């Protein structure tokens, strides 16, 4: 379960940012997770809830923005939702698609007191 390792890394980043900015209590951590990262959002939330118990982060909420796998057609520039079964541009039918989203794993923001 690599989600626990990811959770610990996120909390360490949050802790450092809190120290730098004089924040004493984390209220919300917002993350962006791409479909291609193989991170399961429900498992990440579970790991987050387990990891913050009995810590200064207790009571914080993890908000997850899921990003689908998307692409851009290299022929016509059209936006494409990439799926396992259909990787054709809906505008021109080309299969020459560049991946542009779905591999994100980012902390977007954090709120605290």
C-alpha atoms as a PDB file:
ATOM      1  CA  UNK A   1       0.000   0.000   0.000  1.00  0.00           C
ATOM      2  CA  UNK A   2       2.081   2.920  -1.290  1.00  0.00           C
ATOM      3  CA  UNK A   3      -0.648   5.364  -0.266  1.00  0.00           C
ATOM      4  CA  UNK A   4       0.666   5.363   3.333  1.00  0.00           C
ATOM      5  CA  UNK A   5       4.125   6.356   2.143  1.00  0.00           C
ATOM      6  CA  UNK A   6       2.593   9.108   0.000  1.00  0.00           C
ATOM      7  CA  UNK A   7       0.526  10.285   2.975  1.00  0.00           C
ATOM      8  CA  UNK A   8       3.596  10.489   5.209  1.00  0.00           C
ATOM      9  CA  UNK A   9       5.460  12.472   2.559  1.00  0.00           C
ATOM     10  CA  UNK A  10       2.539  14.893   2.167  1.00  0.00           C
ATOM     11  CA  UNK A  11       2.339  15.414   5.921  1.00  0.00           C
ATOM     12  CA  UNK A  12       6.081  16.049   6.137  1.00  0.00           C
ATOM     13  CA  UNK A  13       5.801  18.679   3.396  1.00  0.00           C
ATOM     14  CA  UNK A  14       2.824  20.227   5.199  1.00  0.00           C
ATOM     15  CA  UNK A  15       4.746  20.252   8.501  1.00  0.00           C
ATOM     16  CA  UNK A  16       7.681  22.104   6.930  1.00  0.00           C
ATOM     17  CA  UNK A  17       5.379  24.652   5.298  1.00  0.00           C
ATOM     18  CA  UNK A  18       3.530  25.164   8.567  1.00  0.00           C
ATOM     19  CA  UNK A  19       6.818  25.895  10.365  1.00  0.00           C
ATOM     20  CA  UNK A  20       7.917  28.376   7.700  1.00  0.00           C
ATOM     21  CA  UNK A  21       4.562  30.179   7.742  1.00  0.00           C
ATOM     22  CA  UNK A  22       3.856  30.117  11.482  1.00  0.00           C
ATOM     23  CA  UNK A  23       0.839  27.814  11.202  1.00  0.00           C
ATOM     24  CA  UNK A  24       0.113  25.735  14.309  1.00  0.00           C
ATOM     25  CA  UNK A  25      -2.844  23.603  13.220  1.00  0.00           C
ATOM     26  CA  UNK A  26      -3.614  22.106   9.823  1.00  0.00           C
ATOM     27  CA  UNK A  27      -7.291  22.303   8.890  1.00  0.00           C
ATOM     28  CA  UNK A  28      -7.314  21.163   5.253  1.00  0.00           C
ATOM     29  CA  UNK A  29      -4.864  19.698   2.777  1.00  0.00           C
ATOM     30  CA  UNK A  30      -5.935  19.756  -0.862  1.00  0.00           C
ATOM     31  CA  UNK A  31      -4.208  17.451  -3.342  1.00  0.00           C
ATOM     32  CA  UNK A  32      -4.499  16.726  -7.060  1.00  0.00           C
ATOM     33  CA  UNK A  33      -4.163  13.082  -8.141  1.00  0.00           C
ATOM     34  CA  UNK A  34      -3.967  11.945 -11.733  1.00  0.00           C
ATOM     35  CA  UNK A  35      -5.638   8.778 -12.935  1.00  0.00           C
ATOM     36  CA  UNK A  36      -2.318   7.388 -14.184  1.00  0.00           C
ATOM     37  CA  UNK A  37      -0.581   7.599 -10.768  1.00  0.00           C
ATOM     38  CA  UNK A  38      -2.227   4.375  -9.516  1.00  0.00           C
ATOM     39  CA  UNK A  39      -3.076   6.154  -6.255  1.00  0.00           C
ATOM     40  CA  UNK A  40      -6.477   5.062  -4.982  1.00  0.00           C
ATOM     41  CA  UNK A  41      -8.271   8.152  -3.567  1.00  0.00           C
ATOM     42  CA  UNK A  42     -10.306   6.228  -0.976  1.00  0.00           C
ATOM     43  CA  UNK A  43      -7.205   4.418   0.243  1.00  0.00           C
ATOM     44  CA  UNK A  44      -5.299   7.699   0.431  1.00  0.00           C
ATOM     45  CA  UNK A  45      -8.092   9.241   2.538  1.00  0.00           C
ATOM     46  CA  UNK A  46      -8.059   6.212   4.833  1.00  0.00           C
ATOM     47  CA  UNK A  47      -4.274   6.404   5.237  1.00  0.00           C
ATOM     48  CA  UNK A  48      -4.487  10.148   5.899  1.00  0.00           C
ATOM     49  CA  UNK A  49      -7.101   9.643   8.637  1.00  0.00           C
ATOM     50  CA  UNK A  50      -4.983   6.903  10.257  1.00  0.00           C
ATOM     51  CA  UNK A  51      -1.720   8.881   9.990  1.00  0.00           C
ATOM     52  CA  UNK A  52      -3.067  12.060  11.637  1.00  0.00           C
ATOM     53  CA  UNK A  53      -4.584  10.392  14.719  1.00  0.00           C
ATOM     54  CA  UNK A  54      -2.831  11.559  17.874  1.00  0.00           C
ATOM     55  CA  UNK A  55      -0.714  14.122  16.000  1.00  0.00           C
ATOM     56  CA  UNK A  56      -0.877  17.902  15.632  1.00  0.00           C
ATOM     57  CA  UNK A  57      -2.645  17.219  12.299  1.00  0.00           C
ATOM     58  CA  UNK A  58      -5.599  15.497  13.995  1.00  0.00           C
ATOM     59  CA  UNK A  59      -8.893  16.932  12.755  1.00  0.00           C
ATOM     60  CA  UNK A  60      -7.505  17.982   9.380  1.00  0.00           C
ATOM     61  CA  UNK A  61      -9.423  17.118   6.234  1.00  0.00           C
ATOM     62  CA  UNK A  62      -7.922  15.739   3.040  1.00  0.00           C
ATOM     63  CA  UNK A  63      -9.580  17.069  -0.103  1.00  0.00           C
ATOM     64  CA  UNK A  64      -8.765  15.210  -3.316  1.00  0.00           C
ATOM     65  CA  UNK A  65      -9.169  16.502  -6.852  1.00  0.00           C
ATOM     66  CA  UNK A  66      -9.072  13.590  -9.291  1.00  0.00           C
ATOM     67  CA  UNK A  67      -7.625  14.322 -12.743  1.00  0.00           C
ATOM     68  CA  UNK A  68      -8.596  12.048 -15.649  1.00  0.00           C
ATOM     69  CA  UNK A  69      -6.098  10.866 -18.238  1.00  0.00           C
ATOM     70  CA  UNK A  70      -6.293  13.389 -21.045  1.00  0.00           C
ATOM     71  CA  UNK A  71      -4.441  14.257 -24.174  1.00  0.00           C
ATOM     72  CA  UNK A  72      -4.050  16.655 -27.064  1.00  0.00           C
ATOM     73  CA  UNK A  73      -4.155  15.601 -30.701  1.00  0.00           C
ATOM     74  CA  UNK A  74      -0.863  16.378 -32.413  1.00  0.00           C
ATOM     75  CA  UNK A  75      -2.678  16.677 -35.753  1.00  0.00           C
ATOM     76  CA  UNK A  76      -5.512  19.113 -35.021  1.00  0.00           C
ATOM     77  CA  UNK A  77      -4.922  20.209 -31.400  1.00  0.00           C
ATOM     78  CA  UNK A  78      -8.200  18.742 -30.144  1.00  0.00           C
ATOM     79  CA  UNK A  79      -8.581  17.737 -26.490  1.00  0.00           C
ATOM     80  CA  UNK A  80      -9.043  14.002 -25.916  1.00  0.00           C
ATOM     81  CA  UNK A  81     -10.174  11.920 -22.923  1.00  0.00           C
ATOM     82  CA  UNK A  82      -7.843   8.932 -23.126  1.00  0.00           C
ATOM     83  CA  UNK A  83      -9.358   5.559 -22.253  1.00  0.00           C
ATOM     84  CA  UNK A  84      -8.109   2.014 -22.562  1.00  0.00           C
ATOM     85  CA  UNK A  85     -10.397   1.375 -25.508  1.00  0.00           C
ATOM     86  CA  UNK A  86     -10.528   4.641 -27.422  1.00  0.00           C
ATOM     87  CA  UNK A  87      -7.541   6.885 -28.030  1.00  0.00           C
ATOM     88  CA  UNK A  88      -8.789   8.607 -31.156  1.00  0.00           C
ATOM     89  CA  UNK A  89      -9.237  12.328 -31.524  1.00  0.00           C
ATOM     90  CA  UNK A  90     -12.976  13.078 -31.660  1.00  0.00           C
ATOM     91  CA  UNK A  91     -12.349  15.909 -34.156  1.00  0.00           C
ATOM     92  CA  UNK A  92     -10.097  14.310 -36.775  1.00  0.00           C
ATOM     93  CA  UNK A  93      -9.831  10.612 -35.856  1.00  0.00           C
ATOM     94  CA  UNK A  94      -6.047  10.663 -35.444  1.00  0.00           C
ATOM     95  CA  UNK A  95      -4.391   8.368 -32.907  1.00  0.00           C
ATOM     96  CA  UNK A  96      -1.340  10.653 -32.587  1.00  0.00           C
ATOM     97  CA  UNK A  97      -2.192  11.799 -29.058  1.00  0.00           C
ATOM     98  CA  UNK A  98       0.120  13.484 -26.550  1.00  0.00           C
ATOM     99  CA  UNK A  99      -0.658  12.858 -22.845  1.00  0.00           C
ATOM    100  CA  UNK A 100      -1.234  16.167 -21.074  1.00  0.00           C
ATOM    101  CA  UNK A 101      -2.985  15.202 -17.834  1.00  0.00           C
ATOM    102  CA  UNK A 102      -3.522  12.272 -15.541  1.00  0.00           C
ATOM    103  CA  UNK A 103      -0.046  11.894 -14.043  1.00  0.00           C
ATOM    104  CA  UNK A 104      -0.306  14.642 -11.393  1.00  0.00           C
ATOM    105  CA  UNK A 105       0.430  14.049  -7.721  1.00  0.00           C
ATOM    106  CA  UNK A 106       0.521  17.528  -6.224  1.00  0.00           C
ATOM    107  CA  UNK A 107      -0.316  19.373  -3.034  1.00  0.00           C
ATOM    108  CA  UNK A 108      -2.485  22.233  -4.248  1.00  0.00           C
ATOM    109  CA  UNK A 109      -3.109  24.106  -1.017  1.00  0.00           C
ATOM    110  CA  UNK A 110      -3.328  23.881   2.718  1.00  0.00           C
ATOM    111  CA  UNK A 111      -5.374  25.755   5.297  1.00  0.00           C
ATOM    112  CA  UNK A 112      -4.508  26.196   8.923  1.00  0.00           C
ATOM    113  CA  UNK A 113      -4.461  28.403  11.975  1.00  0.00           C
END
